[in-house]
Amino acid sequence: MARKKASVDFEQSLADLQVLVERLENGELSLEDSLTAFEQGIRLTRDCQEALTQAEQKVQQLLERDGELVEVPLDVDPTE
């Protein structure tokens, strides 16, 4: 279940970030509200980046064989 939760958290954070960007681009927020939204956006961006870094590390671990990293092109099925 942890994998599903992490994925949902990433997706939700990304969606929240998109909403914040739209609100900021709209230009209808006060300066104070804009700063608050910007701070929240920075936190969401860091959360998303951390989730992506963790996913990248997991992929590297899965591709590691006999202590060496095996590069697999994205368009090739590694089971073939």
PDB file of N, CA and C in Angstrom:
ATOM      1  N   MET A   1       0.809  -1.210   0.000  1.00  0.00           N
ATOM      2  CA  MET A   1       0.000   0.000   0.000  1.00  0.00           C
ATOM      3  C   MET A   1       0.849   1.269   0.000  1.00  0.00           C
ATOM      4  N   ALA A   2       2.053   1.189   0.502  1.00  0.00           N
ATOM      5  CA  ALA A   2       2.913   2.377   0.606  1.00  0.00           C
ATOM      6  C   ALA A   2       3.200   2.952  -0.771  1.00  0.00           C
ATOM      7  N   ARG A   3       3.416   2.078  -1.759  1.00  0.00           N
ATOM      8  CA  ARG A   3       3.695   2.569  -3.109  1.00  0.00           C
ATOM      9  C   ARG A   3       2.512   3.352  -3.662  1.00  0.00           C
ATOM     10  N   LYS A   4       1.327   2.836  -3.470  1.00  0.00           N
ATOM     11  CA  LYS A   4       0.121   3.504  -3.951  1.00  0.00           C
ATOM     12  C   LYS A   4      -0.053   4.858  -3.264  1.00  0.00           C
ATOM     13  N   LYS A   5       0.183   4.912  -1.953  1.00  0.00           N
ATOM     14  CA  LYS A   5       0.052   6.153  -1.200  1.00  0.00           C
ATOM     15  C   LYS A   5       1.062   7.189  -1.697  1.00  0.00           C
ATOM     16  N   ALA A   6       2.314   6.776  -1.923  1.00  0.00           N
ATOM     17  CA  ALA A   6       3.341   7.696  -2.406  1.00  0.00           C
ATOM     18  C   ALA A   6       2.956   8.236  -3.777  1.00  0.00           C
ATOM     19  N   SER A   7       2.429   7.368  -4.629  1.00  0.00           N
ATOM     20  CA  SER A   7       2.016   7.783  -5.961  1.00  0.00           C
ATOM     21  C   SER A   7       0.873   8.790  -5.884  1.00  0.00           C
ATOM     22  N   VAL A   8      -0.100   8.514  -5.025  1.00  0.00           N
ATOM     23  CA  VAL A   8      -1.230   9.422  -4.865  1.00  0.00           C
ATOM     24  C   VAL A   8      -0.738  10.761  -4.313  1.00  0.00           C
ATOM     25  N   ASP A   9       0.161  10.708  -3.341  1.00  0.00           N
ATOM     26  CA  ASP A   9       0.698  11.940  -2.778  1.00  0.00           C
ATOM     27  C   ASP A   9       1.397  12.769  -3.848  1.00  0.00           C
ATOM     28  N   PHE A  10       2.186  12.125  -4.713  1.00  0.00           N
ATOM     29  CA  PHE A  10       2.869  12.841  -5.787  1.00  0.00           C
ATOM     30  C   PHE A  10       1.849  13.457  -6.738  1.00  0.00           C
ATOM     31  N   GLU A  11       0.910  12.641  -7.165  1.00  0.00           N
ATOM     32  CA  GLU A  11      -0.103  13.121  -8.106  1.00  0.00           C
ATOM     33  C   GLU A  11      -0.921  14.264  -7.498  1.00  0.00           C
ATOM     34  N   GLN A  12      -1.284  14.130  -6.234  1.00  0.00           N
ATOM     35  CA  GLN A  12      -2.069  15.172  -5.563  1.00  0.00           C
ATOM     36  C   GLN A  12      -1.243  16.442  -5.415  1.00  0.00           C
ATOM     37  N   SER A  13       0.022  16.295  -5.035  1.00  0.00           N
ATOM     38  CA  SER A  13       0.901  17.459  -4.888  1.00  0.00           C
ATOM     39  C   SER A  13       1.070  18.172  -6.218  1.00  0.00           C
ATOM     40  N   LEU A  14       1.242  17.403  -7.278  1.00  0.00           N
ATOM     41  CA  LEU A  14       1.394  17.994  -8.606  1.00  0.00           C
ATOM     42  C   LEU A  14       0.121  18.730  -9.030  1.00  0.00           C
ATOM     43  N   ALA A  15      -1.032  18.128  -8.757  1.00  0.00           N
ATOM     44  CA  ALA A  15      -2.305  18.773  -9.095  1.00  0.00           C
ATOM     45  C   ALA A  15      -2.495  20.056  -8.277  1.00  0.00           C
ATOM     46  N   ASP A  16      -2.160  19.991  -6.989  1.00  0.00           N
ATOM     47  CA  ASP A  16      -2.266  21.180  -6.137  1.00  0.00           C
ATOM     48  C   ASP A  16      -1.337  22.280  -6.635  1.00  0.00           C
ATOM     49  N   LEU A  17      -0.144  21.887  -7.060  1.00  0.00           N
ATOM     50  CA  LEU A  17       0.818  22.859  -7.577  1.00  0.00           C
ATOM     51  C   LEU A  17       0.289  23.524  -8.848  1.00  0.00           C
ATOM     52  N   GLN A  18      -0.327  22.755  -9.716  1.00  0.00           N
ATOM     53  CA  GLN A  18      -0.896  23.314 -10.940  1.00  0.00           C
ATOM     54  C   GLN A  18      -2.003  24.321 -10.633  1.00  0.00           C
ATOM     55  N   VAL A  19      -2.831  24.012  -9.645  1.00  0.00           N
ATOM     56  CA  VAL A  19      -3.898  24.929  -9.241  1.00  0.00           C
ATOM     57  C   VAL A  19      -3.295  26.232  -8.703  1.00  0.00           C
ATOM     58  N   LEU A  20      -2.248  26.098  -7.871  1.00  0.00           N
ATOM     59  CA  LEU A  20      -1.585  27.290  -7.324  1.00  0.00           C
ATOM     60  C   LEU A  20      -1.000  28.165  -8.419  1.00  0.00           C
ATOM     61  N   VAL A  21      -0.361  27.539  -9.383  1.00  0.00           N
ATOM     62  CA  VAL A  21       0.231  28.296 -10.492  1.00  0.00           C
ATOM     63  C   VAL A  21      -0.857  29.050 -11.259  1.00  0.00           C
ATOM     64  N   GLU A  22      -1.966  28.389 -11.517  1.00  0.00           N
ATOM     65  CA  GLU A  22      -3.071  29.039 -12.220  1.00  0.00           C
ATOM     66  C   GLU A  22      -3.593  30.244 -11.433  1.00  0.00           C
ATOM     67  N   ARG A  23      -3.727  30.063 -10.112  1.00  0.00           N
ATOM     68  CA  ARG A  23      -4.214  31.172  -9.273  1.00  0.00           C
ATOM     69  C   ARG A  23      -3.228  32.339  -9.298  1.00  0.00           C
ATOM     70  N   LEU A  24      -1.926  32.015  -9.225  1.00  0.00           N
ATOM     71  CA  LEU A  24      -0.915  33.072  -9.247  1.00  0.00           C
ATOM     72  C   LEU A  24      -0.885  33.785 -10.608  1.00  0.00           C
ATOM     73  N   GLU A  25      -1.012  33.003 -11.675  1.00  0.00           N
ATOM     74  CA  GLU A  25      -0.996  33.595 -13.014  1.00  0.00           C
ATOM     75  C   GLU A  25      -2.233  34.444 -13.275  1.00  0.00           C
ATOM     76  N   ASN A  26      -3.324  34.128 -12.605  1.00  0.00           N
ATOM     77  CA  ASN A  26      -4.572  34.881 -12.756  1.00  0.00           C
ATOM     78  C   ASN A  26      -4.404  36.335 -12.339  1.00  0.00           C
ATOM     79  N   GLY A  27      -3.543  36.570 -11.356  1.00  0.00           N
ATOM     80  CA  GLY A  27      -3.277  37.929 -10.912  1.00  0.00           C
ATOM     81  C   GLY A  27      -4.356  38.533 -10.035  1.00  0.00           C
ATOM     82  N   GLU A  28      -5.262  37.715  -9.535  1.00  0.00           N
ATOM     83  CA  GLU A  28      -6.368  38.238  -8.736  1.00  0.00           C
ATOM     84  C   GLU A  28      -6.124  38.119  -7.235  1.00  0.00           C
ATOM     85  N   LEU A  29      -4.974  37.542  -6.838  1.00  0.00           N
ATOM     86  CA  LEU A  29      -4.670  37.384  -5.414  1.00  0.00           C
ATOM     87  C   LEU A  29      -4.002  38.654  -4.885  1.00  0.00           C
ATOM     88  N   SER A  30      -4.239  38.920  -3.623  1.00  0.00           N
ATOM     89  CA  SER A  30      -3.537  40.039  -2.985  1.00  0.00           C
ATOM     90  C   SER A  30      -2.063  39.667  -2.856  1.00  0.00           C
ATOM     91  N   LEU A  31      -1.244  40.635  -2.526  1.00  0.00           N
ATOM     92  CA  LEU A  31       0.185  40.375  -2.358  1.00  0.00           C
ATOM     93  C   LEU A  31       0.408  39.329  -1.266  1.00  0.00           C
ATOM     94  N   GLU A  32      -0.284  39.487  -0.152  1.00  0.00           N
ATOM     95  CA  GLU A  32      -0.132  38.540   0.964  1.00  0.00           C
ATOM     96  C   GLU A  32      -0.562  37.131   0.560  1.00  0.00           C
ATOM     97  N   ASP A  33      -1.700  37.031  -0.130  1.00  0.00           N
ATOM     98  CA  ASP A  33      -2.180  35.726  -0.587  1.00  0.00           C
ATOM     99  C   ASP A  33      -1.231  35.127  -1.625  1.00  0.00           C
ATOM    100  N   SER A  34      -0.672  35.979  -2.475  1.00  0.00           N
ATOM    101  CA  SER A  34       0.286  35.510  -3.476  1.00  0.00           C
ATOM    102  C   SER A  34       1.535  34.945  -2.809  1.00  0.00           C
ATOM    103  N   LEU A  35       2.025  35.622  -1.786  1.00  0.00           N
ATOM    104  CA  LEU A  35       3.204  35.134  -1.073  1.00  0.00           C
ATOM    105  C   LEU A  35       2.916  33.808  -0.365  1.00  0.00           C
ATOM    106  N   THR A  36       1.749  33.706   0.227  1.00  0.00           N
ATOM    107  CA  THR A  36       1.357  32.458   0.890  1.00  0.00           C
ATOM    108  C   THR A  36       1.262  31.327  -0.129  1.00  0.00           C
ATOM    109  N   ALA A  37       0.654  31.598  -1.267  1.00  0.00           N
ATOM    110  CA  ALA A  37       0.530  30.592  -2.323  1.00  0.00           C
ATOM    111  C   ALA A  37       1.907  30.211  -2.860  1.00  0.00           C
ATOM    112  N   PHE A  38       2.785  31.197  -3.002  1.00  0.00           N
ATOM    113  CA  PHE A  38       4.137  30.932  -3.488  1.00  0.00           C
ATOM    114  C   PHE A  38       4.884  30.025  -2.519  1.00  0.00           C
ATOM    115  N   GLU A  39       4.776  30.314  -1.219  1.00  0.00           N
ATOM    116  CA  GLU A  39       5.425  29.471  -0.204  1.00  0.00           C
ATOM    117  C   GLU A  39       4.895  28.039  -0.270  1.00  0.00           C
ATOM    118  N   GLN A  40       3.591  27.916  -0.403  1.00  0.00           N
ATOM    119  CA  GLN A  40       2.986  26.592  -0.505  1.00  0.00           C
ATOM    120  C   GLN A  40       3.485  25.891  -1.780  1.00  0.00           C
ATOM    121  N   GLY A  41       3.607  26.636  -2.855  1.00  0.00           N
ATOM    122  CA  GLY A  41       4.111  26.079  -4.112  1.00  0.00           C
ATOM    123  C   GLY A  41       5.536  25.577  -3.989  1.00  0.00           C
ATOM    124  N   ILE A  42       6.363  26.313  -3.253  1.00  0.00           N
ATOM    125  CA  ILE A  42       7.739  25.878  -3.032  1.00  0.00           C
ATOM    126  C   ILE A  42       7.756  24.555  -2.268  1.00  0.00           C
ATOM    127  N   ARG A  43       6.921  24.445  -1.232  1.00  0.00           N
ATOM    128  CA  ARG A  43       6.846  23.196  -0.463  1.00  0.00           C
ATOM    129  C   ARG A  43       6.383  22.036  -1.349  1.00  0.00           C
ATOM    130  N   LEU A  44       5.363  22.288  -2.150  1.00  0.00           N
ATOM    131  CA  LEU A  44       4.860  21.236  -3.044  1.00  0.00           C
ATOM    132  C   LEU A  44       5.912  20.825  -4.064  1.00  0.00           C
ATOM    133  N   THR A  45       6.650  21.793  -4.587  1.00  0.00           N
ATOM    134  CA  THR A  45       7.702  21.508  -5.554  1.00  0.00           C
ATOM    135  C   THR A  45       8.774  20.627  -4.925  1.00  0.00           C
ATOM    136  N   ARG A  46       9.160  20.961  -3.701  1.00  0.00           N
ATOM    137  CA  ARG A  46      10.168  20.152  -3.000  1.00  0.00           C
ATOM    138  C   ARG A  46       9.648  18.747  -2.727  1.00  0.00           C
ATOM    139  N   ASP A  47       8.381  18.629  -2.346  1.00  0.00           N
ATOM    140  CA  ASP A  47       7.785  17.312  -2.109  1.00  0.00           C
ATOM    141  C   ASP A  47       7.797  16.474  -3.396  1.00  0.00           C
ATOM    142  N   CYS A  48       7.419  17.103  -4.502  1.00  0.00           N
ATOM    143  CA  CYS A  48       7.407  16.398  -5.791  1.00  0.00           C
ATOM    144  C   CYS A  48       8.820  15.978  -6.189  1.00  0.00           C
ATOM    145  N   GLN A  49       9.775  16.874  -6.018  1.00  0.00           N
ATOM    146  CA  GLN A  49      11.160  16.565  -6.367  1.00  0.00           C
ATOM    147  C   GLN A  49      11.691  15.411  -5.530  1.00  0.00           C
ATOM    148  N   GLU A  50      11.355  15.402  -4.249  1.00  0.00           N
ATOM    149  CA  GLU A  50      11.783  14.309  -3.369  1.00  0.00           C
ATOM    150  C   GLU A  50      11.175  12.984  -3.815  1.00  0.00           C
ATOM    151  N   ALA A  51       9.896  13.004  -4.174  1.00  0.00           N
ATOM    152  CA  ALA A  51       9.229  11.788  -4.638  1.00  0.00           C
ATOM    153  C   ALA A  51       9.869  11.283  -5.931  1.00  0.00           C
ATOM    154  N   LEU A  52      10.212  12.194  -6.831  1.00  0.00           N
ATOM    155  CA  LEU A  52      10.858  11.798  -8.079  1.00  0.00           C
ATOM    156  C   LEU A  52      12.255  11.236  -7.832  1.00  0.00           C
ATOM    157  N   THR A  53      12.981  11.832  -6.909  1.00  0.00           N
ATOM    158  CA  THR A  53      14.317  11.343  -6.567  1.00  0.00           C
ATOM    159  C   THR A  53      14.232   9.938  -5.984  1.00  0.00           C
ATOM    160  N   GLN A  54      13.263   9.719  -5.100  1.00  0.00           N
ATOM    161  CA  GLN A  54      13.078   8.392  -4.506  1.00  0.00           C
ATOM    162  C   GLN A  54      12.710   7.359  -5.580  1.00  0.00           C
ATOM    163  N   ALA A  55      11.872   7.756  -6.517  1.00  0.00           N
ATOM    164  CA  ALA A  55      11.485   6.848  -7.596  1.00  0.00           C
ATOM    165  C   ALA A  55      12.696   6.514  -8.464  1.00  0.00           C
ATOM    166  N   GLU A  56      13.506   7.515  -8.752  1.00  0.00           N
ATOM    167  CA  GLU A  56      14.713   7.297  -9.551  1.00  0.00           C
ATOM    168  C   GLU A  56      15.661   6.327  -8.843  1.00  0.00           C
ATOM    169  N   GLN A  57      15.830   6.500  -7.533  1.00  0.00           N
ATOM    170  CA  GLN A  57      16.693   5.603  -6.768  1.00  0.00           C
ATOM    171  C   GLN A  57      16.147   4.177  -6.786  1.00  0.00           C
ATOM    172  N   LYS A  58      14.850   4.042  -6.687  1.00  0.00           N
ATOM    173  CA  LYS A  58      14.219   2.718  -6.707  1.00  0.00           C
ATOM    174  C   LYS A  58      14.441   2.050  -8.063  1.00  0.00           C
ATOM    175  N   VAL A  59      14.296   2.811  -9.127  1.00  0.00           N
ATOM    176  CA  VAL A  59      14.523   2.271 -10.477  1.00  0.00           C
ATOM    177  C   VAL A  59      15.971   1.818 -10.615  1.00  0.00           C
ATOM    178  N   GLN A  60      16.910   2.633 -10.105  1.00  0.00           N
ATOM    179  CA  GLN A  60      18.325   2.248 -10.162  1.00  0.00           C
ATOM    180  C   GLN A  60      18.562   0.946  -9.416  1.00  0.00           C
ATOM    181  N   GLN A  61      17.959   0.791  -8.249  1.00  0.00           N
ATOM    182  CA  GLN A  61      18.115  -0.435  -7.476  1.00  0.00           C
ATOM    183  C   GLN A  61      17.556  -1.631  -8.232  1.00  0.00           C
ATOM    184  N   LEU A  62      16.428  -1.435  -8.886  1.00  0.00           N
ATOM    185  CA  LEU A  62      15.806  -2.533  -9.626  1.00  0.00           C
ATOM    186  C   LEU A  62      16.621  -2.931 -10.850  1.00  0.00           C
ATOM    187  N   LEU A  63      17.329  -1.974 -11.443  1.00  0.00           N
ATOM    188  CA  LEU A  63      18.121  -2.262 -12.633  1.00  0.00           C
ATOM    189  C   LEU A  63      19.518  -2.763 -12.295  1.00  0.00           C
ATOM    190  N   GLU A  64      19.902  -2.687 -11.039  1.00  0.00           N
ATOM    191  CA  GLU A  64      21.240  -3.111 -10.636  1.00  0.00           C
ATOM    192  C   GLU A  64      21.299  -4.635 -10.588  1.00  0.00           C
ATOM    193  N   ARG A  65      22.301  -5.177 -11.278  1.00  0.00           N
ATOM    194  CA  ARG A  65      22.474  -6.631 -11.295  1.00  0.00           C
ATOM    195  C   ARG A  65      23.933  -6.952 -11.001  1.00  0.00           C
ATOM    196  N   ASP A  66      24.169  -7.848 -10.086  1.00  0.00           N
ATOM    197  CA  ASP A  66      25.520  -8.266  -9.697  1.00  0.00           C
ATOM    198  C   ASP A  66      26.392  -7.078  -9.335  1.00  0.00           C
ATOM    199  N   GLY A  67      25.816  -6.098  -8.659  1.00  0.00           N
ATOM    200  CA  GLY A  67      26.583  -4.947  -8.197  1.00  0.00           C
ATOM    201  C   GLY A  67      26.870  -3.917  -9.266  1.00  0.00           C
ATOM    202  N   GLU A  68      26.412  -4.147 -10.478  1.00  0.00           N
ATOM    203  CA  GLU A  68      26.645  -3.191 -11.567  1.00  0.00           C
ATOM    204  C   GLU A  68      25.309  -2.707 -12.113  1.00  0.00           C
ATOM    205  N   LEU A  69      25.292  -1.453 -12.470  1.00  0.00           N
ATOM    206  CA  LEU A  69      24.077  -0.870 -13.027  1.00  0.00           C
ATOM    207  C   LEU A  69      23.955  -1.279 -14.490  1.00  0.00           C
ATOM    208  N   VAL A  70      22.814  -1.837 -14.834  1.00  0.00           N
ATOM    209  CA  VAL A  70      22.551  -2.251 -16.204  1.00  0.00           C
ATOM    210  C   VAL A  70      21.638  -1.205 -16.825  1.00  0.00           C
ATOM    211  N   GLU A  71      22.111  -0.555 -17.882  1.00  0.00           N
ATOM    212  CA  GLU A  71      21.290   0.455 -18.541  1.00  0.00           C
ATOM    213  C   GLU A  71      20.312  -0.214 -19.492  1.00  0.00           C
ATOM    214  N   VAL A  72      19.056   0.183 -19.382  1.00  0.00           N
ATOM    215  CA  VAL A  72      18.001  -0.362 -20.231  1.00  0.00           C
ATOM    216  C   VAL A  72      17.297   0.818 -20.880  1.00  0.00           C
ATOM    217  N   PRO A  73      17.306   0.901 -22.224  1.00  0.00           N
ATOM    218  CA  PRO A  73      16.577   1.988 -22.886  1.00  0.00           C
ATOM    219  C   PRO A  73      15.104   1.948 -22.505  1.00  0.00           C
ATOM    220  N   LEU A  74      14.489   3.113 -22.396  1.00  0.00           N
ATOM    221  CA  LEU A  74      13.101   3.186 -21.954  1.00  0.00           C
ATOM    222  C   LEU A  74      12.134   2.498 -22.918  1.00  0.00           C
ATOM    223  N   ASP A  75      12.473   2.434 -24.194  1.00  0.00           N
ATOM    224  CA  ASP A  75      11.538   1.868 -25.164  1.00  0.00           C
ATOM    225  C   ASP A  75      11.729   0.357 -25.359  1.00  0.00           C
ATOM    226  N   VAL A  76      12.601  -0.260 -24.549  1.00  0.00           N
ATOM    227  CA  VAL A  76      12.854  -1.699 -24.677  1.00  0.00           C
ATOM    228  C   VAL A  76      12.328  -2.393 -23.415  1.00  0.00           C
ATOM    229  N   ASP A  77      11.646  -3.515 -23.613  1.00  0.00           N
ATOM    230  CA  ASP A  77      11.155  -4.310 -22.494  1.00  0.00           C
ATOM    231  C   ASP A  77      12.329  -5.066 -21.889  1.00  0.00           C
ATOM    232  N   PRO A  78      12.674  -4.829 -20.599  1.00  0.00           N
ATOM    233  CA  PRO A  78      13.845  -5.454 -19.988  1.00  0.00           C
ATOM    234  C   PRO A  78      13.712  -6.963 -19.810  1.00  0.00           C
ATOM    235  N   THR A  79      12.497  -7.514 -19.979  1.00  0.00           N
ATOM    236  CA  THR A  79      12.307  -8.952 -19.816  1.00  0.00           C
ATOM    237  C   THR A  79      12.589  -9.709 -21.101  1.00  0.00           C
ATOM    238  N   GLU A  80      12.779  -9.020 -22.205  1.00  0.00           N
ATOM    239  CA  GLU A  80      13.024  -9.689 -23.484  1.00  0.00           C
ATOM    240  C   GLU A  80      14.437 -10.193 -23.564  1.00  0.00           C
TER     241      GLU A  80
END
